[in-house]
Amino acid sequence: MASESKTTTDHEEIRRWVESHEGRPAIARGTGGDNAGVLSIEFSGVTAGARPSGLEIIEWNEWFDKFDEADLAFLYQEHQSDGSDSRFCRIIRR
């Protein structure tokens, strides 16, 4: 089975994938211009897209506001090449 990455900007698709993989929306404060922070996803202590220090869990509405404002997309993978579940994701520029 080949691993396949998908890219989306659909809020419901992103939220579904993150929550089904036990993730939560997060931000690394003080890492962006004007102290806006860098968006991340927190997986029970494992982060994607930011360092754990200074990571703050935020509400989905705030996360998606920043996501849309920065013109970002969500790159993710449902399964690894061996068929097992994957937590691979990245927040990328469109």
PDB file of N, CA and C in Angstrom:
ATOM      1  N   MET A   1       0.849  -1.183   0.000  1.00  0.00           N
ATOM      2  CA  MET A   1       0.000   0.000   0.000  1.00  0.00           C
ATOM      3  C   MET A   1       0.891   1.241   0.000  1.00  0.00           C
ATOM      4  N   ALA A   2       0.629   2.151  -0.901  1.00  0.00           N
ATOM      5  CA  ALA A   2       1.415   3.383  -0.967  1.00  0.00           C
ATOM      6  C   ALA A   2       0.819   4.421  -0.024  1.00  0.00           C
ATOM      7  N   SER A   3       1.695   5.192   0.600  1.00  0.00           N
ATOM      8  CA  SER A   3       1.202   6.291   1.437  1.00  0.00           C
ATOM      9  C   SER A   3       0.857   7.452   0.507  1.00  0.00           C
ATOM     10  N   GLU A   4      -0.242   8.106   0.790  1.00  0.00           N
ATOM     11  CA  GLU A   4      -0.698   9.199  -0.060  1.00  0.00           C
ATOM     12  C   GLU A   4      -0.949  10.423   0.808  1.00  0.00           C
ATOM     13  N   SER A   5      -0.339  11.527   0.433  1.00  0.00           N
ATOM     14  CA  SER A   5      -0.565  12.787   1.146  1.00  0.00           C
ATOM     15  C   SER A   5      -1.675  13.554   0.460  1.00  0.00           C
ATOM     16  N   LYS A   6      -2.458  14.263   1.265  1.00  0.00           N
ATOM     17  CA  LYS A   6      -3.546  15.090   0.753  1.00  0.00           C
ATOM     18  C   LYS A   6      -3.340  16.507   1.265  1.00  0.00           C
ATOM     19  N   THR A   7      -3.815  17.474   0.514  1.00  0.00           N
ATOM     20  CA  THR A   7      -3.753  18.873   0.925  1.00  0.00           C
ATOM     21  C   THR A   7      -5.163  19.437   0.890  1.00  0.00           C
ATOM     22  N   THR A   8      -5.509  20.184   1.938  1.00  0.00           N
ATOM     23  CA  THR A   8      -6.840  20.767   2.011  1.00  0.00           C
ATOM     24  C   THR A   8      -6.811  22.110   2.730  1.00  0.00           C
ATOM     25  N   THR A   9      -7.840  22.898   2.465  1.00  0.00           N
ATOM     26  CA  THR A   9      -8.090  24.128   3.219  1.00  0.00           C
ATOM     27  C   THR A   9      -9.454  24.054   3.889  1.00  0.00           C
ATOM     28  N   ASP A  10     -10.158  22.935   3.719  1.00  0.00           N
ATOM     29  CA  ASP A  10     -11.498  22.745   4.261  1.00  0.00           C
ATOM     30  C   ASP A  10     -11.443  22.570   5.781  1.00  0.00           C
ATOM     31  N   HIS A  11     -12.092  23.468   6.496  1.00  0.00           N
ATOM     32  CA  HIS A  11     -12.035  23.463   7.957  1.00  0.00           C
ATOM     33  C   HIS A  11     -12.554  22.164   8.559  1.00  0.00           C
ATOM     34  N   GLU A  12     -13.659  21.666   8.058  1.00  0.00           N
ATOM     35  CA  GLU A  12     -14.235  20.435   8.621  1.00  0.00           C
ATOM     36  C   GLU A  12     -13.342  19.231   8.373  1.00  0.00           C
ATOM     37  N   GLU A  13     -12.746  19.164   7.197  1.00  0.00           N
ATOM     38  CA  GLU A  13     -11.836  18.059   6.879  1.00  0.00           C
ATOM     39  C   GLU A  13     -10.616  18.102   7.797  1.00  0.00           C
ATOM     40  N   ILE A  14     -10.060  19.279   8.017  1.00  0.00           N
ATOM     41  CA  ILE A  14      -8.893  19.428   8.902  1.00  0.00           C
ATOM     42  C   ILE A  14      -9.262  19.028  10.324  1.00  0.00           C
ATOM     43  N   ARG A  15     -10.359  19.572  10.810  1.00  0.00           N
ATOM     44  CA  ARG A  15     -10.781  19.278  12.190  1.00  0.00           C
ATOM     45  C   ARG A  15     -11.054  17.785  12.378  1.00  0.00           C
ATOM     46  N   ARG A  16     -11.721  17.171  11.409  1.00  0.00           N
ATOM     47  CA  ARG A  16     -12.008  15.742  11.477  1.00  0.00           C
ATOM     48  C   ARG A  16     -10.720  14.932  11.573  1.00  0.00           C
ATOM     49  N   TRP A  17      -9.760  15.240  10.699  1.00  0.00           N
ATOM     50  CA  TRP A  17      -8.501  14.485  10.690  1.00  0.00           C
ATOM     51  C   TRP A  17      -7.753  14.677  12.009  1.00  0.00           C
ATOM     52  N   VAL A  18      -7.606  15.918  12.452  1.00  0.00           N
ATOM     53  CA  VAL A  18      -6.858  16.206  13.679  1.00  0.00           C
ATOM     54  C   VAL A  18      -7.492  15.500  14.875  1.00  0.00           C
ATOM     55  N   GLU A  19      -8.798  15.649  15.038  1.00  0.00           N
ATOM     56  CA  GLU A  19      -9.468  15.056  16.194  1.00  0.00           C
ATOM     57  C   GLU A  19      -9.487  13.532  16.125  1.00  0.00           C
ATOM     58  N   SER A  20      -9.575  12.959  14.935  1.00  0.00           N
ATOM     59  CA  SER A  20      -9.549  11.500  14.813  1.00  0.00           C
ATOM     60  C   SER A  20      -8.162  10.937  15.121  1.00  0.00           C
ATOM     61  N   HIS A  21      -7.150  11.792  15.108  1.00  0.00           N
ATOM     62  CA  HIS A  21      -5.787  11.391  15.445  1.00  0.00           C
ATOM     63  C   HIS A  21      -5.371  11.920  16.817  1.00  0.00           C
ATOM     64  N   GLU A  22      -6.381  12.282  17.633  1.00  0.00           N
ATOM     65  CA  GLU A  22      -6.171  12.744  19.001  1.00  0.00           C
ATOM     66  C   GLU A  22      -5.298  13.994  19.086  1.00  0.00           C
ATOM     67  N   GLY A  23      -5.487  14.876  18.116  1.00  0.00           N
ATOM     68  CA  GLY A  23      -4.752  16.135  18.098  1.00  0.00           C
ATOM     69  C   GLY A  23      -5.636  17.293  18.522  1.00  0.00           C
ATOM     70  N   ARG A  24      -4.969  18.414  18.807  1.00  0.00           N
ATOM     71  CA  ARG A  24      -5.670  19.638  19.198  1.00  0.00           C
ATOM     72  C   ARG A  24      -4.997  20.827  18.524  1.00  0.00           C
ATOM     73  N   PRO A  25      -5.767  21.873  18.206  1.00  0.00           N
ATOM     74  CA  PRO A  25      -5.176  23.069  17.588  1.00  0.00           C
ATOM     75  C   PRO A  25      -4.299  23.797  18.603  1.00  0.00           C
ATOM     76  N   ALA A  26      -3.165  24.270  18.139  1.00  0.00           N
ATOM     77  CA  ALA A  26      -2.220  24.938  19.038  1.00  0.00           C
ATOM     78  C   ALA A  26      -1.495  26.050  18.293  1.00  0.00           C
ATOM     79  N   ILE A  27      -0.815  26.870  19.089  1.00  0.00           N
ATOM     80  CA  ILE A  27      -0.013  27.959  18.525  1.00  0.00           C
ATOM     81  C   ILE A  27       1.233  28.116  19.385  1.00  0.00           C
ATOM     82  N   ALA A  28       2.339  28.403  18.737  1.00  0.00           N
ATOM     83  CA  ALA A  28       3.582  28.710  19.450  1.00  0.00           C
ATOM     84  C   ALA A  28       3.672  30.227  19.498  1.00  0.00           C
ATOM     85  N   ARG A  29       3.284  30.806  20.613  1.00  0.00           N
ATOM     86  CA  ARG A  29       3.244  32.268  20.765  1.00  0.00           C
ATOM     87  C   ARG A  29       4.642  32.870  20.685  1.00  0.00           C
ATOM     88  N   GLY A  30       4.691  34.077  20.138  1.00  0.00           N
ATOM     89  CA  GLY A  30       5.948  34.805  20.090  1.00  0.00           C
ATOM     90  C   GLY A  30       6.883  34.349  18.994  1.00  0.00           C
ATOM     91  N   THR A  31       6.391  33.483  18.076  1.00  0.00           N
ATOM     92  CA  THR A  31       7.275  32.969  17.026  1.00  0.00           C
ATOM     93  C   THR A  31       6.982  33.569  15.665  1.00  0.00           C
ATOM     94  N   GLY A  32       5.911  34.360  15.558  1.00  0.00           N
ATOM     95  CA  GLY A  32       5.558  34.957  14.280  1.00  0.00           C
ATOM     96  C   GLY A  32       5.718  36.457  14.325  1.00  0.00           C
ATOM     97  N   GLY A  33       5.537  37.087  13.181  1.00  0.00           N
ATOM     98  CA  GLY A  33       5.587  38.536  13.128  1.00  0.00           C
ATOM     99  C   GLY A  33       4.515  39.150  14.014  1.00  0.00           C
ATOM    100  N   ASP A  34       4.822  40.255  14.653  1.00  0.00           N
ATOM    101  CA  ASP A  34       3.896  40.937  15.557  1.00  0.00           C
ATOM    102  C   ASP A  34       3.404  40.022  16.681  1.00  0.00           C
ATOM    103  N   ASN A  35       4.232  39.041  17.052  1.00  0.00           N
ATOM    104  CA  ASN A  35       3.923  38.131  18.148  1.00  0.00           C
ATOM    105  C   ASN A  35       2.667  37.295  17.887  1.00  0.00           C
ATOM    106  N   ALA A  36       2.332  37.094  16.604  1.00  0.00           N
ATOM    107  CA  ALA A  36       1.117  36.355  16.247  1.00  0.00           C
ATOM    108  C   ALA A  36       1.229  34.875  16.584  1.00  0.00           C
ATOM    109  N   GLY A  37       2.390  34.305  16.405  1.00  0.00           N
ATOM    110  CA  GLY A  37       2.593  32.887  16.688  1.00  0.00           C
ATOM    111  C   GLY A  37       2.495  32.026  15.452  1.00  0.00           C
ATOM    112  N   VAL A  38       3.040  30.831  15.559  1.00  0.00           N
ATOM    113  CA  VAL A  38       3.037  29.865  14.475  1.00  0.00           C
ATOM    114  C   VAL A  38       2.016  28.787  14.800  1.00  0.00           C
ATOM    115  N   LEU A  39       1.122  28.502  13.850  1.00  0.00           N
ATOM    116  CA  LEU A  39       0.119  27.469  14.053  1.00  0.00           C
ATOM    117  C   LEU A  39       0.763  26.101  14.117  1.00  0.00           C
ATOM    118  N   SER A  40       0.160  25.243  14.921  1.00  0.00           N
ATOM    119  CA  SER A  40       0.660  23.896  15.099  1.00  0.00           C
ATOM    120  C   SER A  40      -0.503  22.979  15.446  1.00  0.00           C
ATOM    121  N   ILE A  41      -0.218  21.684  15.480  1.00  0.00           N
ATOM    122  CA  ILE A  41      -1.151  20.678  15.980  1.00  0.00           C
ATOM    123  C   ILE A  41      -0.414  19.937  17.081  1.00  0.00           C
ATOM    124  N   GLU A  42      -1.082  19.771  18.218  1.00  0.00           N
ATOM    125  CA  GLU A  42      -0.490  19.074  19.360  1.00  0.00           C
ATOM    126  C   GLU A  42      -1.115  17.693  19.457  1.00  0.00           C
ATOM    127  N   PHE A  43      -0.261  16.667  19.460  1.00  0.00           N
ATOM    128  CA  PHE A  43      -0.693  15.276  19.601  1.00  0.00           C
ATOM    129  C   PHE A  43      -0.176  14.729  20.925  1.00  0.00           C
ATOM    130  N   SER A  44      -0.911  14.909  21.972  1.00  0.00           N
ATOM    131  CA  SER A  44      -0.550  14.358  23.288  1.00  0.00           C
ATOM    132  C   SER A  44       0.941  14.500  23.581  1.00  0.00           C
ATOM    133  N   GLY A  45       1.455  15.715  23.454  1.00  0.00           N
ATOM    134  CA  GLY A  45       2.854  15.973  23.758  1.00  0.00           C
ATOM    135  C   GLY A  45       3.784  15.931  22.561  1.00  0.00           C
ATOM    136  N   VAL A  46       3.302  15.479  21.395  1.00  0.00           N
ATOM    137  CA  VAL A  46       4.107  15.459  20.180  1.00  0.00           C
ATOM    138  C   VAL A  46       3.560  16.537  19.272  1.00  0.00           C
ATOM    139  N   THR A  47       4.402  17.421  18.782  1.00  0.00           N
ATOM    140  CA  THR A  47       3.924  18.524  17.963  1.00  0.00           C
ATOM    141  C   THR A  47       4.301  18.369  16.505  1.00  0.00           C
ATOM    142  N   ALA A  48       3.504  18.975  15.669  1.00  0.00           N
ATOM    143  CA  ALA A  48       3.799  19.050  14.241  1.00  0.00           C
ATOM    144  C   ALA A  48       3.839  20.523  13.878  1.00  0.00           C
ATOM    145  N   GLY A  49       4.962  21.000  13.405  1.00  0.00           N
ATOM    146  CA  GLY A  49       5.051  22.370  12.932  1.00  0.00           C
ATOM    147  C   GLY A  49       5.577  23.375  13.934  1.00  0.00           C
ATOM    148  N   ALA A  50       5.855  22.986  15.163  1.00  0.00           N
ATOM    149  CA  ALA A  50       6.387  23.930  16.144  1.00  0.00           C
ATOM    150  C   ALA A  50       7.081  23.172  17.272  1.00  0.00           C
ATOM    151  N   ARG A  51       7.953  23.859  17.972  1.00  0.00           N
ATOM    152  CA  ARG A  51       8.610  23.270  19.137  1.00  0.00           C
ATOM    153  C   ARG A  51       7.645  23.232  20.312  1.00  0.00           C
ATOM    154  N   PRO A  52       7.742  22.223  21.185  1.00  0.00           N
ATOM    155  CA  PRO A  52       6.825  22.126  22.308  1.00  0.00           C
ATOM    156  C   PRO A  52       6.905  23.292  23.285  1.00  0.00           C
ATOM    157  N   SER A  53       8.080  23.902  23.469  1.00  0.00           N
ATOM    158  CA  SER A  53       8.185  24.998  24.425  1.00  0.00           C
ATOM    159  C   SER A  53       7.377  26.185  23.947  1.00  0.00           C
ATOM    160  N   GLY A  54       6.530  26.719  24.824  1.00  0.00           N
ATOM    161  CA  GLY A  54       5.707  27.863  24.471  1.00  0.00           C
ATOM    162  C   GLY A  54       4.462  27.509  23.683  1.00  0.00           C
ATOM    163  N   LEU A  55       4.200  26.228  23.505  1.00  0.00           N
ATOM    164  CA  LEU A  55       3.022  25.804  22.756  1.00  0.00           C
ATOM    165  C   LEU A  55       1.777  25.984  23.604  1.00  0.00           C
ATOM    166  N   GLU A  56       0.759  26.580  23.008  1.00  0.00           N
ATOM    167  CA  GLU A  56      -0.494  26.859  23.713  1.00  0.00           C
ATOM    168  C   GLU A  56      -1.660  26.280  22.923  1.00  0.00           C
ATOM    169  N   ILE A  57      -2.509  25.518  23.590  1.00  0.00           N
ATOM    170  CA  ILE A  57      -3.711  24.983  22.959  1.00  0.00           C
ATOM    171  C   ILE A  57      -4.698  26.134  22.799  1.00  0.00           C
ATOM    172  N   ILE A  58      -5.300  26.248  21.611  1.00  0.00           N
ATOM    173  CA  ILE A  58      -6.264  27.320  21.343  1.00  0.00           C
ATOM    174  C   ILE A  58      -7.552  26.709  20.792  1.00  0.00           C
ATOM    175  N   GLU A  59      -8.580  27.528  20.716  1.00  0.00           N
ATOM    176  CA  GLU A  59      -9.867  27.093  20.166  1.00  0.00           C
ATOM    177  C   GLU A  59      -9.766  26.996  18.640  1.00  0.00           C
ATOM    178  N   TRP A  60     -10.591  26.114  18.080  1.00  0.00           N
ATOM    179  CA  TRP A  60     -10.598  25.949  16.628  1.00  0.00           C
ATOM    180  C   TRP A  60     -10.905  27.252  15.904  1.00  0.00           C
ATOM    181  N   ASN A  61     -11.834  28.062  16.403  1.00  0.00           N
ATOM    182  CA  ASN A  61     -12.181  29.312  15.717  1.00  0.00           C
ATOM    183  C   ASN A  61     -10.967  30.218  15.570  1.00  0.00           C
ATOM    184  N   GLU A  62     -10.192  30.369  16.635  1.00  0.00           N
ATOM    185  CA  GLU A  62      -8.982  31.197  16.580  1.00  0.00           C
ATOM    186  C   GLU A  62      -7.969  30.589  15.610  1.00  0.00           C
ATOM    187  N   TRP A  63      -7.800  29.278  15.674  1.00  0.00           N
ATOM    188  CA  TRP A  63      -6.840  28.580  14.811  1.00  0.00           C
ATOM    189  C   TRP A  63      -7.207  28.798  13.342  1.00  0.00           C
ATOM    190  N   PHE A  64      -8.483  28.595  12.995  1.00  0.00           N
ATOM    191  CA  PHE A  64      -8.907  28.755  11.599  1.00  0.00           C
ATOM    192  C   PHE A  64      -8.864  30.207  11.142  1.00  0.00           C
ATOM    193  N   ASP A  65      -9.122  31.159  12.034  1.00  0.00           N
ATOM    194  CA  ASP A  65      -8.985  32.571  11.668  1.00  0.00           C
ATOM    195  C   ASP A  65      -7.557  32.866  11.237  1.00  0.00           C
ATOM    196  N   LYS A  66      -6.591  32.408  12.017  1.00  0.00           N
ATOM    197  CA  LYS A  66      -5.174  32.621  11.691  1.00  0.00           C
ATOM    198  C   LYS A  66      -4.763  31.839  10.445  1.00  0.00           C
ATOM    199  N   PHE A  67      -5.281  30.630  10.305  1.00  0.00           N
ATOM    200  CA  PHE A  67      -5.012  29.765   9.158  1.00  0.00           C
ATOM    201  C   PHE A  67      -5.439  30.453   7.859  1.00  0.00           C
ATOM    202  N   ASP A  68      -6.672  30.982   7.857  1.00  0.00           N
ATOM    203  CA  ASP A  68      -7.193  31.650   6.653  1.00  0.00           C
ATOM    204  C   ASP A  68      -6.487  32.978   6.395  1.00  0.00           C
ATOM    205  N   GLU A  69      -6.243  33.733   7.455  1.00  0.00           N
ATOM    206  CA  GLU A  69      -5.581  35.034   7.325  1.00  0.00           C
ATOM    207  C   GLU A  69      -4.182  34.896   6.713  1.00  0.00           C
ATOM    208  N   ALA A  70      -3.482  33.824   7.079  1.00  0.00           N
ATOM    209  CA  ALA A  70      -2.122  33.605   6.576  1.00  0.00           C
ATOM    210  C   ALA A  70      -2.103  32.856   5.243  1.00  0.00           C
ATOM    211  N   ASP A  71      -3.289  32.527   4.709  1.00  0.00           N
ATOM    212  CA  ASP A  71      -3.400  31.837   3.421  1.00  0.00           C
ATOM    213  C   ASP A  71      -2.636  30.504   3.440  1.00  0.00           C
ATOM    214  N   LEU A  72      -2.963  29.673   4.441  1.00  0.00           N
ATOM    215  CA  LEU A  72      -2.273  28.404   4.631  1.00  0.00           C
ATOM    216  C   LEU A  72      -3.107  27.234   4.121  1.00  0.00           C
ATOM    217  N   ALA A  73      -2.477  26.080   4.032  1.00  0.00           N
ATOM    218  CA  ALA A  73      -3.136  24.825   3.674  1.00  0.00           C
ATOM    219  C   ALA A  73      -2.634  23.745   4.631  1.00  0.00           C
ATOM    220  N   PHE A  74      -3.385  22.659   4.718  1.00  0.00           N
ATOM    221  CA  PHE A  74      -3.060  21.563   5.622  1.00  0.00           C
ATOM    222  C   PHE A  74      -2.710  20.338   4.790  1.00  0.00           C
ATOM    223  N   LEU A  75      -1.486  19.869   4.934  1.00  0.00           N
ATOM    224  CA  LEU A  75      -0.987  18.684   4.247  1.00  0.00           C
ATOM    225  C   LEU A  75      -1.009  17.543   5.254  1.00  0.00           C
ATOM    226  N   TYR A  76      -1.632  16.424   4.895  1.00  0.00           N
ATOM    227  CA  TYR A  76      -1.726  15.320   5.839  1.00  0.00           C
ATOM    228  C   TYR A  76      -1.714  13.974   5.124  1.00  0.00           C
ATOM    229  N   GLN A  77      -1.543  12.937   5.918  1.00  0.00           N
ATOM    230  CA  GLN A  77      -1.479  11.577   5.401  1.00  0.00           C
ATOM    231  C   GLN A  77      -2.405  10.708   6.254  1.00  0.00           C
ATOM    232  N   GLU A  78      -3.286   9.943   5.624  1.00  0.00           N
ATOM    233  CA  GLU A  78      -4.194   9.056   6.359  1.00  0.00           C
ATOM    234  C   GLU A  78      -3.469   7.807   6.860  1.00  0.00           C
ATOM    235  N   HIS A  79      -2.653   7.199   5.990  1.00  0.00           N
ATOM    236  CA  HIS A  79      -1.995   5.937   6.325  1.00  0.00           C
ATOM    237  C   HIS A  79      -0.538   5.958   5.889  1.00  0.00           C
ATOM    238  N   GLN A  80       0.289   5.214   6.614  1.00  0.00           N
ATOM    239  CA  GLN A  80       1.677   5.024   6.212  1.00  0.00           C
ATOM    240  C   GLN A  80       1.719   3.971   5.112  1.00  0.00           C
ATOM    241  N   SER A  81       2.863   3.797   4.479  1.00  0.00           N
ATOM    242  CA  SER A  81       2.977   2.852   3.364  1.00  0.00           C
ATOM    243  C   SER A  81       2.669   1.418   3.780  1.00  0.00           C
ATOM    244  N   ASP A  82       2.829   1.096   5.068  1.00  0.00           N
ATOM    245  CA  ASP A  82       2.509  -0.256   5.537  1.00  0.00           C
ATOM    246  C   ASP A  82       1.035  -0.415   5.908  1.00  0.00           C
ATOM    247  N   GLY A  83       0.241   0.656   5.708  1.00  0.00           N
ATOM    248  CA  GLY A  83      -1.181   0.602   5.990  1.00  0.00           C
ATOM    249  C   GLY A  83      -1.570   1.063   7.382  1.00  0.00           C
ATOM    250  N   SER A  84      -0.590   1.281   8.244  1.00  0.00           N
ATOM    251  CA  SER A  84      -0.894   1.726   9.603  1.00  0.00           C
ATOM    252  C   SER A  84      -1.283   3.204   9.603  1.00  0.00           C
ATOM    253  N   ASP A  85      -1.995   3.603  10.639  1.00  0.00           N
ATOM    254  CA  ASP A  85      -2.459   4.974  10.782  1.00  0.00           C
ATOM    255  C   ASP A  85      -1.267   5.934  10.816  1.00  0.00           C
ATOM    256  N   SER A  86      -1.435   7.120  10.258  1.00  0.00           N
ATOM    257  CA  SER A  86      -0.362   8.106  10.217  1.00  0.00           C
ATOM    258  C   SER A  86      -0.791   9.398  10.901  1.00  0.00           C
ATOM    259  N   ARG A  87       0.139  10.007  11.626  1.00  0.00           N
ATOM    260  CA  ARG A  87      -0.086  11.329  12.215  1.00  0.00           C
ATOM    261  C   ARG A  87       0.700  12.406  11.463  1.00  0.00           C
ATOM    262  N   PHE A  88       1.217  12.061  10.314  1.00  0.00           N
ATOM    263  CA  PHE A  88       2.001  13.023   9.545  1.00  0.00           C
ATOM    264  C   PHE A  88       1.104  14.164   9.078  1.00  0.00           C
ATOM    265  N   CYS A  89       1.519  15.384   9.398  1.00  0.00           N
ATOM    266  CA  CYS A  89       0.834  16.565   8.877  1.00  0.00           C
ATOM    267  C   CYS A  89       1.792  17.746   8.891  1.00  0.00           C
ATOM    268  N   ARG A  90       1.503  18.702   8.033  1.00  0.00           N
ATOM    269  CA  ARG A  90       2.266  19.940   7.951  1.00  0.00           C
ATOM    270  C   ARG A  90       1.293  21.075   7.635  1.00  0.00           C
ATOM    271  N   ILE A  91       1.603  22.236   8.142  1.00  0.00           N
ATOM    272  CA  ILE A  91       0.860  23.440   7.801  1.00  0.00           C
ATOM    273  C   ILE A  91       1.743  24.188   6.811  1.00  0.00           C
ATOM    274  N   ILE A  92       1.223  24.388   5.602  1.00  0.00           N
ATOM    275  CA  ILE A  92       2.040  24.916   4.513  1.00  0.00           C
ATOM    276  C   ILE A  92       1.371  26.143   3.897  1.00  0.00           C
ATOM    277  N   ARG A  93       2.155  26.895   3.148  1.00  0.00           N
ATOM    278  CA  ARG A  93       1.610  28.037   2.391  1.00  0.00           C
ATOM    279  C   ARG A  93       0.908  27.491   1.157  1.00  0.00           C
ATOM    280  N   ARG A  94      -0.183  28.168   0.778  1.00  0.00           N
ATOM    281  CA  ARG A  94      -0.920  27.757  -0.431  1.00  0.00           C
ATOM    282  C   ARG A  94      -0.151  28.098  -1.669  1.00  0.00           C
TER     283      ARG A  94
END
